[in-house]
Amino acid sequence: MSLPVFIPLFLGNIRGWEWLIILIVVLLLFGGKKIPELMKGVGRGISSFKEGLNEAKNEINKAAEDKPQHKEDGK
């Protein structure tokens, strides 16, 4: 999958000045101290999500390996 798949369609038309205005609004809303905390929380959330995906894959693979092989009797 490529990155543009995850970007909503309305974000495709935003250019340089619009991003600058959005950045200024975010700085005004959250302030300088809150943004690093917010990004740290987002990073922890992403890493936790990836760990969960890996655990789910491992459990699925383990269940597939542990599943007994059925032999056909040739009936």
N, C-alpha and C. Protein backbone atom coordinates (compact mmCIF):
# COMPACT_ATOMS: atom_id res chain seq x y z
N MET A 1 0.83 -1.18 0.00
CA MET A 1 0.00 0.00 0.00
C MET A 1 0.87 1.23 0.00
N SER A 2 0.41 2.21 -0.69
CA SER A 2 1.18 3.44 -0.73
C SER A 2 0.57 4.46 0.22
N LEU A 3 1.34 5.46 0.55
CA LEU A 3 0.92 6.48 1.50
C LEU A 3 -0.33 7.24 1.05
N PRO A 4 -0.46 7.61 -0.21
CA PRO A 4 -1.65 8.39 -0.60
C PRO A 4 -2.97 7.68 -0.33
N VAL A 5 -2.96 6.38 -0.15
CA VAL A 5 -4.20 5.66 0.15
C VAL A 5 -4.76 6.11 1.49
N PHE A 6 -3.89 6.43 2.45
CA PHE A 6 -4.32 6.78 3.79
C PHE A 6 -4.67 8.26 3.93
N ILE A 7 -4.31 9.08 2.98
CA ILE A 7 -4.59 10.52 3.07
C ILE A 7 -5.99 10.77 2.54
N PRO A 8 -6.85 11.37 3.37
CA PRO A 8 -8.19 11.69 2.88
C PRO A 8 -8.13 12.60 1.65
N LEU A 9 -9.15 12.52 0.83
CA LEU A 9 -9.15 13.26 -0.42
C LEU A 9 -9.04 14.77 -0.23
N PHE A 10 -9.66 15.32 0.81
CA PHE A 10 -9.62 16.76 0.99
C PHE A 10 -8.24 17.27 1.36
N LEU A 11 -7.34 16.42 1.84
CA LEU A 11 -5.99 16.86 2.18
C LEU A 11 -5.08 16.94 0.96
N GLY A 12 -5.51 16.38 -0.16
CA GLY A 12 -4.70 16.40 -1.37
C GLY A 12 -4.55 17.77 -1.99
N ASN A 13 -5.48 18.67 -1.70
CA ASN A 13 -5.45 20.01 -2.31
C ASN A 13 -4.79 21.05 -1.42
N ILE A 14 -4.29 20.67 -0.27
CA ILE A 14 -3.66 21.64 0.64
C ILE A 14 -2.23 21.88 0.19
N ARG A 15 -1.89 23.14 0.02
CA ARG A 15 -0.55 23.54 -0.42
C ARG A 15 0.22 24.19 0.74
N GLY A 16 1.34 24.80 0.44
CA GLY A 16 2.26 25.36 1.43
C GLY A 16 1.65 26.33 2.42
N TRP A 17 0.94 27.34 1.94
CA TRP A 17 0.38 28.36 2.83
C TRP A 17 -0.69 27.76 3.73
N GLU A 18 -1.48 26.86 3.21
CA GLU A 18 -2.52 26.24 4.02
C GLU A 18 -1.91 25.43 5.16
N TRP A 19 -0.82 24.68 4.88
CA TRP A 19 -0.15 23.93 5.92
C TRP A 19 0.42 24.86 6.99
N LEU A 20 0.96 25.99 6.56
CA LEU A 20 1.51 26.97 7.50
C LEU A 20 0.42 27.50 8.42
N ILE A 21 -0.74 27.81 7.86
CA ILE A 21 -1.86 28.31 8.68
C ILE A 21 -2.33 27.23 9.66
N ILE A 22 -2.42 25.98 9.19
CA ILE A 22 -2.82 24.89 10.07
C ILE A 22 -1.82 24.71 11.20
N LEU A 23 -0.52 24.80 10.89
CA LEU A 23 0.52 24.68 11.91
C LEU A 23 0.40 25.79 12.95
N ILE A 24 0.13 27.00 12.53
CA ILE A 24 -0.01 28.12 13.46
C ILE A 24 -1.23 27.91 14.35
N VAL A 25 -2.33 27.45 13.78
CA VAL A 25 -3.54 27.20 14.58
C VAL A 25 -3.28 26.11 15.61
N VAL A 26 -2.58 25.05 15.22
CA VAL A 26 -2.27 23.97 16.16
C VAL A 26 -1.38 24.50 17.28
N LEU A 27 -0.39 25.30 16.93
CA LEU A 27 0.48 25.88 17.97
C LEU A 27 -0.31 26.75 18.93
N LEU A 28 -1.26 27.52 18.40
CA LEU A 28 -2.07 28.38 19.28
C LEU A 28 -2.99 27.55 20.17
N LEU A 29 -3.54 26.48 19.64
CA LEU A 29 -4.47 25.67 20.42
C LEU A 29 -3.76 24.86 21.50
N PHE A 30 -2.66 24.23 21.16
CA PHE A 30 -2.01 23.32 22.09
C PHE A 30 -0.83 23.94 22.83
N GLY A 31 -0.23 24.96 22.29
CA GLY A 31 0.92 25.56 22.93
C GLY A 31 2.19 24.76 22.69
N GLY A 32 3.33 25.34 22.99
CA GLY A 32 4.61 24.71 22.73
C GLY A 32 4.88 23.49 23.59
N LYS A 33 4.39 23.47 24.82
CA LYS A 33 4.68 22.35 25.72
C LYS A 33 3.82 21.14 25.43
N LYS A 34 2.62 21.34 24.97
CA LYS A 34 1.69 20.23 24.78
C LYS A 34 1.99 19.42 23.52
N ILE A 35 2.55 20.04 22.50
CA ILE A 35 2.78 19.33 21.23
C ILE A 35 3.75 18.17 21.39
N PRO A 36 4.90 18.31 22.06
CA PRO A 36 5.76 17.14 22.24
C PRO A 36 5.08 16.01 23.01
N GLU A 37 4.30 16.37 24.04
CA GLU A 37 3.57 15.35 24.78
C GLU A 37 2.55 14.65 23.90
N LEU A 38 1.88 15.42 23.06
CA LEU A 38 0.90 14.87 22.13
C LEU A 38 1.56 13.92 21.14
N MET A 39 2.70 14.32 20.59
CA MET A 39 3.41 13.47 19.63
C MET A 39 3.96 12.21 20.30
N LYS A 40 4.40 12.33 21.55
CA LYS A 40 4.89 11.17 22.28
C LYS A 40 3.75 10.17 22.49
N GLY A 41 2.57 10.68 22.82
CA GLY A 41 1.41 9.81 22.97
C GLY A 41 1.02 9.13 21.68
N VAL A 42 1.09 9.86 20.57
CA VAL A 42 0.78 9.29 19.27
C VAL A 42 1.79 8.19 18.93
N GLY A 43 3.06 8.45 19.19
CA GLY A 43 4.10 7.46 18.93
C GLY A 43 3.91 6.20 19.76
N ARG A 44 3.56 6.37 21.03
CA ARG A 44 3.31 5.20 21.88
C ARG A 44 2.10 4.41 21.38
N GLY A 45 1.08 5.14 20.95
CA GLY A 45 -0.11 4.47 20.42
C GLY A 45 0.20 3.67 19.17
N ILE A 46 1.00 4.24 18.28
CA ILE A 46 1.36 3.54 17.05
C ILE A 46 2.20 2.31 17.36
N SER A 47 3.18 2.45 18.25
CA SER A 47 4.02 1.29 18.59
C SER A 47 3.20 0.21 19.29
N SER A 48 2.26 0.60 20.15
CA SER A 48 1.40 -0.37 20.81
C SER A 48 0.52 -1.09 19.79
N PHE A 49 0.02 -0.37 18.82
CA PHE A 49 -0.80 -0.97 17.76
C PHE A 49 0.01 -1.97 16.96
N LYS A 50 1.25 -1.63 16.62
CA LYS A 50 2.11 -2.54 15.86
C LYS A 50 2.43 -3.80 16.68
N GLU A 51 2.67 -3.63 17.98
CA GLU A 51 2.92 -4.79 18.84
C GLU A 51 1.70 -5.71 18.86
N GLY A 52 0.52 -5.12 18.94
CA GLY A 52 -0.70 -5.91 18.93
C GLY A 52 -0.87 -6.67 17.63
N LEU A 53 -0.56 -6.04 16.51
CA LEU A 53 -0.63 -6.73 15.22
C LEU A 53 0.34 -7.89 15.17
N ASN A 54 1.57 -7.67 15.65
CA ASN A 54 2.56 -8.74 15.65
C ASN A 54 2.14 -9.90 16.56
N GLU A 55 1.58 -9.58 17.72
CA GLU A 55 1.11 -10.63 18.62
C GLU A 55 -0.02 -11.43 17.98
N ALA A 56 -0.93 -10.75 17.30
CA ALA A 56 -2.04 -11.44 16.64
C ALA A 56 -1.51 -12.34 15.53
N LYS A 57 -0.54 -11.86 14.75
CA LYS A 57 0.04 -12.69 13.69
C LYS A 57 0.73 -13.91 14.29
N ASN A 58 1.47 -13.71 15.38
CA ASN A 58 2.16 -14.84 16.03
C ASN A 58 1.16 -15.87 16.55
N GLU A 59 0.05 -15.41 17.13
CA GLU A 59 -0.95 -16.34 17.64
C GLU A 59 -1.60 -17.12 16.49
N ILE A 60 -1.87 -16.45 15.39
CA ILE A 60 -2.47 -17.12 14.23
C ILE A 60 -1.50 -18.15 13.67
N ASN A 61 -0.24 -17.77 13.53
CA ASN A 61 0.76 -18.70 13.02
C ASN A 61 0.94 -19.89 13.96
N LYS A 62 0.95 -19.64 15.26
CA LYS A 62 1.11 -20.71 16.23
C LYS A 62 -0.08 -21.66 16.18
N ALA A 63 -1.28 -21.11 16.06
CA ALA A 63 -2.48 -21.94 15.97
C ALA A 63 -2.46 -22.77 14.70
N ALA A 64 -1.97 -22.21 13.61
CA ALA A 64 -1.90 -22.95 12.35
C ALA A 64 -0.87 -24.08 12.44
N GLU A 65 0.24 -23.85 13.14
CA GLU A 65 1.26 -24.88 13.30
C GLU A 65 0.80 -25.98 14.24
N ASP A 66 0.05 -25.62 15.28
CA ASP A 66 -0.40 -26.60 16.27
C ASP A 66 -1.60 -27.41 15.80
N LYS A 67 -2.26 -26.97 14.77
CA LYS A 67 -3.44 -27.67 14.26
C LYS A 67 -3.03 -29.04 13.74
N PRO A 68 -3.68 -30.09 14.23
CA PRO A 68 -3.28 -31.44 13.79
C PRO A 68 -3.63 -31.67 12.32
N GLN A 69 -2.78 -32.39 11.66
CA GLN A 69 -3.01 -32.73 10.26
C GLN A 69 -3.94 -33.93 10.19
N HIS A 70 -5.03 -33.82 9.48
CA HIS A 70 -5.99 -34.91 9.31
C HIS A 70 -5.56 -35.77 8.12
N LYS A 71 -5.44 -37.06 8.39
CA LYS A 71 -5.10 -37.99 7.32
C LYS A 71 -6.39 -38.53 6.71
N GLU A 72 -6.40 -38.60 5.41
CA GLU A 72 -7.57 -39.14 4.75
C GLU A 72 -7.52 -40.66 4.76
N ASP A 73 -8.64 -41.27 5.04
CA ASP A 73 -8.71 -42.73 5.12
C ASP A 73 -8.87 -43.37 3.76
N GLY A 74 -9.12 -42.61 2.77
CA GLY A 74 -9.29 -43.15 1.43
C GLY A 74 -10.65 -43.78 1.21
N LYS A 75 -11.64 -43.33 1.95
CA LYS A 75 -12.98 -43.90 1.82
C LYS A 75 -13.67 -43.46 0.57
